[in-house]
Amino acid sequence: MEKLKVEVCYSPALFPYYENRDAVVVVTDVLRASSAIVTAFMNGVERIIPVGTLEEAKAYKDRGYMVAAERDGIVRDFADFGNSPYNFTPERVQGKQIVYSTTNGTNAIKLASSGSQVLIGAYLNISALATHIIKSGRDLLILCAGWKNKFNLEDTLFAGALSEMLLEDDRYNTICDATLGAIDLHNVARGNMMAYVEKVAQKGRLRVNNLDDVIPYCFESDLTELIPVLMDDQLVRL
């Protein structure tokens, strides 16, 4: 029997070369969009509407929606808050619908919509993701949001960790160099992740704006079994 595939796409710019309509696509933007989205569902958000542009986000705001929007880590002046997971507290989001626009993550989510199922992945829900994907019996494609279409370390580390979990199941295999590279990077970092993360460019960007307090939280594993899924262009709880 043919093995199920595990592939990693390091950047949205590369997605056309990996697109697989039969695959479960896991979109990850560890610092910070996917971590924030998972946190929002942990704290009771009803649904999240991802939009690619600030113009779309502003239009929703003008219609009375609550909006989370940032570019380069900075909250936009019309938005209710930015994309730190710490913004998505139960007091703010429980039972709410939130429009969401970020530098990298929300565009990656929209791009991935051609897959059989689009899931939001973070360290916070990594084991639940692996269990669900294995039960689905489908190929896996991990789409790293990256940084403005460039490779980044943090999403690749996550991709390696999730790939390794899938490949422990005999039904899965990979001949994808990107997957093998992500696994190798994960294995280099796993012994002291926070020390390795000191190299991450996004950590420096966040530090400049005093937004790096959330980084240790974003690398905590298995705080929830909740998985956000894209349905009809909106994120809801799986």
C-alpha atoms as a PDB file:
ATOM      1  CA  MET A   1       0.000   0.000   0.000  1.00  0.00           C
ATOM      2  CA  GLU A   2       1.253   3.468  -0.873  1.00  0.00           C
ATOM      3  CA  LYS A   3       2.432   5.469   2.100  1.00  0.00           C
ATOM      4  CA  LEU A   4       0.823   8.721   3.162  1.00  0.00           C
ATOM      5  CA  LYS A   5       3.042  11.760   2.569  1.00  0.00           C
ATOM      6  CA  VAL A   6       4.422  14.284   5.023  1.00  0.00           C
ATOM      7  CA  GLU A   7       5.630  17.487   3.376  1.00  0.00           C
ATOM      8  CA  VAL A   8       6.746  20.875   4.686  1.00  0.00           C
ATOM      9  CA  CYS A   9       6.478  24.137   2.766  1.00  0.00           C
ATOM     10  CA  TYR A  10       8.831  26.721   4.254  1.00  0.00           C
ATOM     11  CA  SER A  11       7.116  29.783   2.769  1.00  0.00           C
ATOM     12  CA  PRO A  12       3.805  30.821   1.216  1.00  0.00           C
ATOM     13  CA  ALA A  13       5.794  31.792  -1.890  1.00  0.00           C
ATOM     14  CA  LEU A  14       6.600  28.094  -2.386  1.00  0.00           C
ATOM     15  CA  PHE A  15       3.045  26.849  -1.840  1.00  0.00           C
ATOM     16  CA  PRO A  16       2.192  26.355  -5.549  1.00  0.00           C
ATOM     17  CA  TYR A  17       4.933  23.717  -5.715  1.00  0.00           C
ATOM     18  CA  TYR A  18       3.478  21.770  -2.782  1.00  0.00           C
ATOM     19  CA  GLU A  19      -0.255  22.271  -3.234  1.00  0.00           C
ATOM     20  CA  ASN A  20      -2.080  18.993  -2.570  1.00  0.00           C
ATOM     21  CA  ARG A  21      -5.858  19.110  -2.605  1.00  0.00           C
ATOM     22  CA  ASP A  22      -6.042  15.723  -0.864  1.00  0.00           C
ATOM     23  CA  ALA A  23      -3.851  16.759   2.079  1.00  0.00           C
ATOM     24  CA  VAL A  24      -4.669  18.117   5.478  1.00  0.00           C
ATOM     25  CA  VAL A  25      -2.886  21.482   5.523  1.00  0.00           C
ATOM     26  CA  VAL A  26      -1.605  22.709   8.878  1.00  0.00           C
ATOM     27  CA  VAL A  27      -0.823  26.421   8.855  1.00  0.00           C
ATOM     28  CA  THR A  28       1.638  27.542  11.497  1.00  0.00           C
ATOM     29  CA  ASP A  29       2.818  30.994  12.522  1.00  0.00           C
ATOM     30  CA  VAL A  30       4.305  30.269  15.924  1.00  0.00           C
ATOM     31  CA  LEU A  31       5.282  33.893  16.682  1.00  0.00           C
ATOM     32  CA  ARG A  32       2.483  34.781  16.990  1.00  0.00           C
ATOM     33  CA  ALA A  33      -0.656  34.338  14.874  1.00  0.00           C
ATOM     34  CA  SER A  34      -1.290  30.608  15.157  1.00  0.00           C
ATOM     35  CA  SER A  35      -0.448  30.636  18.864  1.00  0.00           C
ATOM     36  CA  ALA A  36      -2.876  33.523  19.332  1.00  0.00           C
ATOM     37  CA  ILE A  37      -5.635  31.799  17.360  1.00  0.00           C
ATOM     38  CA  VAL A  38      -5.334  28.599  19.383  1.00  0.00           C
ATOM     39  CA  THR A  39      -5.321  30.655  22.587  1.00  0.00           C
ATOM     40  CA  ALA A  40      -8.455  32.504  21.489  1.00  0.00           C
ATOM     41  CA  PHE A  41     -10.301  29.217  21.078  1.00  0.00           C
ATOM     42  CA  MET A  42      -8.973  28.011  24.415  1.00  0.00           C
ATOM     43  CA  ASN A  43     -10.544  31.138  25.907  1.00  0.00           C
ATOM     44  CA  GLY A  44     -13.922  30.701  24.278  1.00  0.00           C
ATOM     45  CA  VAL A  45     -13.951  32.701  21.038  1.00  0.00           C
ATOM     46  CA  GLU A  46     -16.861  31.641  18.829  1.00  0.00           C
ATOM     47  CA  ARG A  47     -15.202  32.203  15.460  1.00  0.00           C
ATOM     48  CA  ILE A  48     -12.342  34.101  13.846  1.00  0.00           C
ATOM     49  CA  ILE A  49     -12.592  35.642  10.391  1.00  0.00           C
ATOM     50  CA  PRO A  50      -9.105  35.836   8.828  1.00  0.00           C
ATOM     51  CA  VAL A  51      -8.598  38.613   6.283  1.00  0.00           C
ATOM     52  CA  GLY A  52      -5.527  39.357   4.219  1.00  0.00           C
ATOM     53  CA  THR A  53      -5.511  43.138   4.068  1.00  0.00           C
ATOM     54  CA  LEU A  54      -5.859  45.987   6.519  1.00  0.00           C
ATOM     55  CA  GLU A  55      -8.476  47.514   4.239  1.00  0.00           C
ATOM     56  CA  GLU A  56     -10.683  44.449   4.693  1.00  0.00           C
ATOM     57  CA  ALA A  57     -10.120  44.524   8.441  1.00  0.00           C
ATOM     58  CA  LYS A  58     -11.010  48.222   8.603  1.00  0.00           C
ATOM     59  CA  ALA A  59     -14.186  47.611   6.618  1.00  0.00           C
ATOM     60  CA  TYR A  60     -15.267  44.972   9.131  1.00  0.00           C
ATOM     61  CA  LYS A  61     -14.476  47.387  11.974  1.00  0.00           C
ATOM     62  CA  ASP A  62     -16.679  50.007  10.348  1.00  0.00           C
ATOM     63  CA  ARG A  63     -19.494  47.415  10.355  1.00  0.00           C
ATOM     64  CA  GLY A  64     -19.150  46.925  14.110  1.00  0.00           C
ATOM     65  CA  TYR A  65     -16.916  43.847  14.318  1.00  0.00           C
ATOM     66  CA  MET A  66     -14.201  43.420  16.920  1.00  0.00           C
ATOM     67  CA  VAL A  67     -10.870  43.467  15.072  1.00  0.00           C
ATOM     68  CA  ALA A  68      -7.370  42.220  15.886  1.00  0.00           C
ATOM     69  CA  ALA A  69      -4.902  43.649  13.380  1.00  0.00           C
ATOM     70  CA  GLU A  70      -1.154  44.245  13.230  1.00  0.00           C
ATOM     71  CA  ARG A  71       1.681  44.770  10.819  1.00  0.00           C
ATOM     72  CA  ASP A  72       5.299  44.136  11.778  1.00  0.00           C
ATOM     73  CA  GLY A  73       4.043  43.418  15.295  1.00  0.00           C
ATOM     74  CA  ILE A  74       2.463  46.843  15.794  1.00  0.00           C
ATOM     75  CA  VAL A  75      -1.261  47.152  16.522  1.00  0.00           C
ATOM     76  CA  ARG A  76      -3.089  49.181  13.864  1.00  0.00           C
ATOM     77  CA  ASP A  77      -4.750  52.336  15.107  1.00  0.00           C
ATOM     78  CA  PHE A  78      -8.282  51.223  14.200  1.00  0.00           C
ATOM     79  CA  ALA A  79      -7.956  47.763  15.809  1.00  0.00           C
ATOM     80  CA  ASP A  80      -9.197  46.640  19.216  1.00  0.00           C
ATOM     81  CA  PHE A  81      -5.929  44.779  19.815  1.00  0.00           C
ATOM     82  CA  GLY A  82      -2.993  43.094  18.086  1.00  0.00           C
ATOM     83  CA  ASN A  83      -1.918  39.484  17.823  1.00  0.00           C
ATOM     84  CA  SER A  84      -0.250  38.652  21.114  1.00  0.00           C
ATOM     85  CA  PRO A  85      -1.852  35.525  22.585  1.00  0.00           C
ATOM     86  CA  TYR A  86      -2.083  37.502  25.818  1.00  0.00           C
ATOM     87  CA  ASN A  87      -4.588  39.844  24.129  1.00  0.00           C
ATOM     88  CA  PHE A  88      -7.089  37.024  23.658  1.00  0.00           C
ATOM     89  CA  THR A  89      -8.301  36.742  27.243  1.00  0.00           C
ATOM     90  CA  PRO A  90     -11.639  35.161  28.177  1.00  0.00           C
ATOM     91  CA  GLU A  91     -12.946  38.586  29.196  1.00  0.00           C
ATOM     92  CA  ARG A  92     -12.284  39.912  25.706  1.00  0.00           C
ATOM     93  CA  VAL A  93     -13.104  37.003  23.416  1.00  0.00           C
ATOM     94  CA  GLN A  94     -15.512  34.531  25.023  1.00  0.00           C
ATOM     95  CA  GLY A  95     -18.510  34.053  22.773  1.00  0.00           C
ATOM     96  CA  LYS A  96     -17.248  36.680  20.299  1.00  0.00           C
ATOM     97  CA  GLN A  97     -16.593  36.799  16.561  1.00  0.00           C
ATOM     98  CA  ILE A  98     -13.261  38.447  15.792  1.00  0.00           C
ATOM     99  CA  VAL A  99     -11.839  39.651  12.491  1.00  0.00           C
ATOM    100  CA  TYR A 100      -8.111  38.989  12.317  1.00  0.00           C
ATOM    101  CA  SER A 101      -5.370  40.336  10.061  1.00  0.00           C
ATOM    102  CA  THR A 102      -1.634  39.814  10.566  1.00  0.00           C
ATOM    103  CA  THR A 103       1.611  40.327   8.687  1.00  0.00           C
ATOM    104  CA  ASN A 104       2.062  36.672   7.696  1.00  0.00           C
ATOM    105  CA  GLY A 105      -0.378  34.237   9.258  1.00  0.00           C
ATOM    106  CA  THR A 106      -3.754  35.243   7.864  1.00  0.00           C
ATOM    107  CA  ASN A 107      -2.531  35.355   4.261  1.00  0.00           C
ATOM    108  CA  ALA A 108      -1.099  31.850   4.701  1.00  0.00           C
ATOM    109  CA  ILE A 109      -4.460  30.622   6.012  1.00  0.00           C
ATOM    110  CA  LYS A 110      -6.287  31.977   2.971  1.00  0.00           C
ATOM    111  CA  LEU A 111      -3.680  30.503   0.622  1.00  0.00           C
ATOM    112  CA  ALA A 112      -4.057  27.047   2.193  1.00  0.00           C
ATOM    113  CA  SER A 113      -7.799  26.872   1.587  1.00  0.00           C
ATOM    114  CA  SER A 114      -7.391  24.576  -1.415  1.00  0.00           C
ATOM    115  CA  GLY A 115      -6.491  21.649   0.873  1.00  0.00           C
ATOM    116  CA  SER A 116      -8.991  18.999   1.957  1.00  0.00           C
ATOM    117  CA  GLN A 117      -8.930  20.496   5.447  1.00  0.00           C
ATOM    118  CA  VAL A 118      -7.082  23.507   6.851  1.00  0.00           C
ATOM    119  CA  LEU A 119      -6.034  23.409  10.514  1.00  0.00           C
ATOM    120  CA  ILE A 120      -4.221  25.944  12.680  1.00  0.00           C
ATOM    121  CA  GLY A 121      -1.139  24.516  14.344  1.00  0.00           C
ATOM    122  CA  ALA A 122       0.940  25.657  17.292  1.00  0.00           C
ATOM    123  CA  TYR A 123       3.009  23.975  19.948  1.00  0.00           C
ATOM    124  CA  LEU A 124       0.012  24.581  22.207  1.00  0.00           C
ATOM    125  CA  ASN A 125      -2.044  21.917  20.379  1.00  0.00           C
ATOM    126  CA  ILE A 126       0.632  19.849  18.619  1.00  0.00           C
ATOM    127  CA  SER A 127      -0.255  16.382  19.974  1.00  0.00           C
ATOM    128  CA  ALA A 128      -3.958  16.868  19.287  1.00  0.00           C
ATOM    129  CA  LEU A 129      -3.057  17.816  15.723  1.00  0.00           C
ATOM    130  CA  ALA A 130      -0.948  14.704  15.233  1.00  0.00           C
ATOM    131  CA  THR A 131      -3.717  12.463  16.584  1.00  0.00           C
ATOM    132  CA  HIS A 132      -6.362  14.047  14.368  1.00  0.00           C
ATOM    133  CA  ILE A 133      -4.252  13.906  11.210  1.00  0.00           C
ATOM    134  CA  ILE A 134      -3.340  10.256  11.744  1.00  0.00           C
ATOM    135  CA  LYS A 135      -7.032   9.422  12.240  1.00  0.00           C
ATOM    136  CA  SER A 136      -7.887  11.299   9.043  1.00  0.00           C
ATOM    137  CA  GLY A 137      -5.766   8.938   6.957  1.00  0.00           C
ATOM    138  CA  ARG A 138      -4.698  11.769   4.664  1.00  0.00           C
ATOM    139  CA  ASP A 139      -1.415  13.271   3.518  1.00  0.00           C
ATOM    140  CA  LEU A 140      -0.041  16.106   5.630  1.00  0.00           C
ATOM    141  CA  LEU A 141       1.280  19.400   4.299  1.00  0.00           C
ATOM    142  CA  ILE A 142       2.624  21.879   6.854  1.00  0.00           C
ATOM    143  CA  LEU A 143       2.596  25.443   5.575  1.00  0.00           C
ATOM    144  CA  CYS A 144       4.979  27.736   7.445  1.00  0.00           C
ATOM    145  CA  ALA A 145       3.776  31.336   7.371  1.00  0.00           C
ATOM    146  CA  GLY A 146       7.408  32.502   7.445  1.00  0.00           C
ATOM    147  CA  TRP A 147       8.267  36.183   7.399  1.00  0.00           C
ATOM    148  CA  LYS A 148       7.082  38.147   4.366  1.00  0.00           C
ATOM    149  CA  ASN A 149       7.479  35.063   2.156  1.00  0.00           C
ATOM    150  CA  LYS A 150      10.925  34.264   3.600  1.00  0.00           C
ATOM    151  CA  PHE A 151      12.027  31.222   5.598  1.00  0.00           C
ATOM    152  CA  ASN A 152      11.930  31.497   9.366  1.00  0.00           C
ATOM    153  CA  LEU A 153      13.260  29.293  12.133  1.00  0.00           C
ATOM    154  CA  GLU A 154      10.330  29.136  14.543  1.00  0.00           C
ATOM    155  CA  ASP A 155       7.764  27.775  12.084  1.00  0.00           C
ATOM    156  CA  THR A 156      10.306  25.310  10.716  1.00  0.00           C
ATOM    157  CA  LEU A 157      11.039  24.010  14.223  1.00  0.00           C
ATOM    158  CA  PHE A 158       7.339  23.374  14.751  1.00  0.00           C
ATOM    159  CA  ALA A 159       7.071  21.696  11.343  1.00  0.00           C
ATOM    160  CA  GLY A 160       9.903  19.354  12.275  1.00  0.00           C
ATOM    161  CA  ALA A 161       8.298  18.448  15.581  1.00  0.00           C
ATOM    162  CA  LEU A 162       4.903  17.692  14.018  1.00  0.00           C
ATOM    163  CA  SER A 163       6.457  15.795  11.093  1.00  0.00           C
ATOM    164  CA  GLU A 164       8.404  13.594  13.463  1.00  0.00           C
ATOM    165  CA  MET A 165       5.195  12.723  15.330  1.00  0.00           C
ATOM    166  CA  LEU A 166       3.459  11.693  12.101  1.00  0.00           C
ATOM    167  CA  LEU A 167       6.397   9.618  10.900  1.00  0.00           C
ATOM    168  CA  GLU A 168       6.224   7.498  14.039  1.00  0.00           C
ATOM    169  CA  ASP A 169       3.113   5.986  12.419  1.00  0.00           C
ATOM    170  CA  ASP A 170       4.063   3.314   9.868  1.00  0.00           C
ATOM    171  CA  ARG A 171       1.502   4.568   7.361  1.00  0.00           C
ATOM    172  CA  TYR A 172       3.415   7.827   6.867  1.00  0.00           C
ATOM    173  CA  ASN A 173       6.621   8.446   4.967  1.00  0.00           C
ATOM    174  CA  THR A 174       8.503  11.362   3.480  1.00  0.00           C
ATOM    175  CA  ILE A 175      10.856  11.873   0.573  1.00  0.00           C
ATOM    176  CA  CYS A 176      10.672  15.643   1.075  1.00  0.00           C
ATOM    177  CA  ASP A 177      14.011  17.304   1.830  1.00  0.00           C
ATOM    178  CA  ALA A 178      12.222  20.215   3.490  1.00  0.00           C
ATOM    179  CA  THR A 179      10.588  17.799   5.932  1.00  0.00           C
ATOM    180  CA  LEU A 180      13.876  16.088   6.715  1.00  0.00           C
ATOM    181  CA  GLY A 181      15.594  19.446   7.187  1.00  0.00           C
ATOM    182  CA  ALA A 182      12.840  20.614   9.557  1.00  0.00           C
ATOM    183  CA  ILE A 183      13.176  17.427  11.607  1.00  0.00           C
ATOM    184  CA  ASP A 184      16.949  17.849  11.800  1.00  0.00           C
ATOM    185  CA  LEU A 185      16.525  21.453  12.971  1.00  0.00           C
ATOM    186  CA  HIS A 186      13.965  20.390  15.574  1.00  0.00           C
ATOM    187  CA  ASN A 187      16.350  17.744  16.899  1.00  0.00           C
ATOM    188  CA  VAL A 188      19.175  20.283  17.194  1.00  0.00           C
ATOM    189  CA  ALA A 189      16.966  22.671  19.164  1.00  0.00           C
ATOM    190  CA  ARG A 190      14.867  20.349  21.291  1.00  0.00           C
ATOM    191  CA  GLY A 191      17.392  19.918  24.114  1.00  0.00           C
ATOM    192  CA  ASN A 192      17.270  23.622  24.985  1.00  0.00           C
ATOM    193  CA  MET A 193      14.594  25.280  22.894  1.00  0.00           C
ATOM    194  CA  MET A 194      14.691  28.682  24.574  1.00  0.00           C
ATOM    195  CA  ALA A 195      18.436  28.945  24.048  1.00  0.00           C
ATOM    196  CA  TYR A 196      18.007  28.057  20.383  1.00  0.00           C
ATOM    197  CA  VAL A 197      15.169  30.559  19.987  1.00  0.00           C
ATOM    198  CA  GLU A 198      17.615  33.340  20.879  1.00  0.00           C
ATOM    199  CA  LYS A 199      18.731  33.024  17.236  1.00  0.00           C
ATOM    200  CA  VAL A 200      15.247  33.653  15.856  1.00  0.00           C
ATOM    201  CA  ALA A 201      14.937  36.951  13.980  1.00  0.00           C
ATOM    202  CA  GLN A 202      11.328  37.419  15.044  1.00  0.00           C
ATOM    203  CA  LYS A 203      12.405  37.336  18.684  1.00  0.00           C
ATOM    204  CA  GLY A 204      14.561  40.384  17.983  1.00  0.00           C
ATOM    205  CA  ARG A 205      11.745  42.163  16.159  1.00  0.00           C
ATOM    206  CA  LEU A 206       9.393  41.550  19.058  1.00  0.00           C
ATOM    207  CA  ARG A 207      11.991  42.561  21.643  1.00  0.00           C
ATOM    208  CA  VAL A 208      12.495  45.965  19.999  1.00  0.00           C
ATOM    209  CA  ASN A 209       8.800  46.682  20.582  1.00  0.00           C
ATOM    210  CA  ASN A 210       8.680  45.079  24.061  1.00  0.00           C
ATOM    211  CA  LEU A 211       6.464  42.288  22.708  1.00  0.00           C
ATOM    212  CA  ASP A 212       8.751  39.327  23.400  1.00  0.00           C
ATOM    213  CA  ASP A 213       7.178  38.449  26.772  1.00  0.00           C
ATOM    214  CA  VAL A 214       4.947  35.887  25.069  1.00  0.00           C
ATOM    215  CA  ILE A 215       7.721  33.834  23.456  1.00  0.00           C
ATOM    216  CA  PRO A 216       8.119  31.149  26.172  1.00  0.00           C
ATOM    217  CA  TYR A 217       4.348  30.628  26.152  1.00  0.00           C
ATOM    218  CA  CYS A 218       4.330  30.124  22.367  1.00  0.00           C
ATOM    219  CA  PHE A 219       6.748  27.211  22.758  1.00  0.00           C
ATOM    220  CA  GLU A 220       4.767  25.390  25.441  1.00  0.00           C
ATOM    221  CA  SER A 221       3.429  22.061  24.186  1.00  0.00           C
ATOM    222  CA  ASP A 222       0.017  20.493  24.651  1.00  0.00           C
ATOM    223  CA  LEU A 223      -1.856  23.087  26.647  1.00  0.00           C
ATOM    224  CA  THR A 224      -5.045  22.164  24.776  1.00  0.00           C
ATOM    225  CA  GLU A 225      -6.680  19.554  22.560  1.00  0.00           C
ATOM    226  CA  LEU A 226      -8.609  22.233  20.660  1.00  0.00           C
ATOM    227  CA  ILE A 227      -7.940  22.543  16.938  1.00  0.00           C
ATOM    228  CA  PRO A 228      -9.135  25.546  14.912  1.00  0.00           C
ATOM    229  CA  VAL A 229     -10.354  24.561  11.444  1.00  0.00           C
ATOM    230  CA  LEU A 230     -11.173  26.709   8.417  1.00  0.00           C
ATOM    231  CA  MET A 231     -14.787  26.363   7.302  1.00  0.00           C
ATOM    232  CA  ASP A 232     -16.441  28.723   4.807  1.00  0.00           C
ATOM    233  CA  ASP A 233     -13.570  31.204   5.161  1.00  0.00           C
ATOM    234  CA  GLN A 234     -13.943  31.343   8.942  1.00  0.00           C
ATOM    235  CA  LEU A 235     -12.060  29.608  11.722  1.00  0.00           C
ATOM    236  CA  VAL A 236     -14.148  27.573  14.117  1.00  0.00           C
ATOM    237  CA  ARG A 237     -13.489  24.862  16.663  1.00  0.00           C
ATOM    238  CA  LEU A 238     -13.005  21.432  15.083  1.00  0.00           C
END
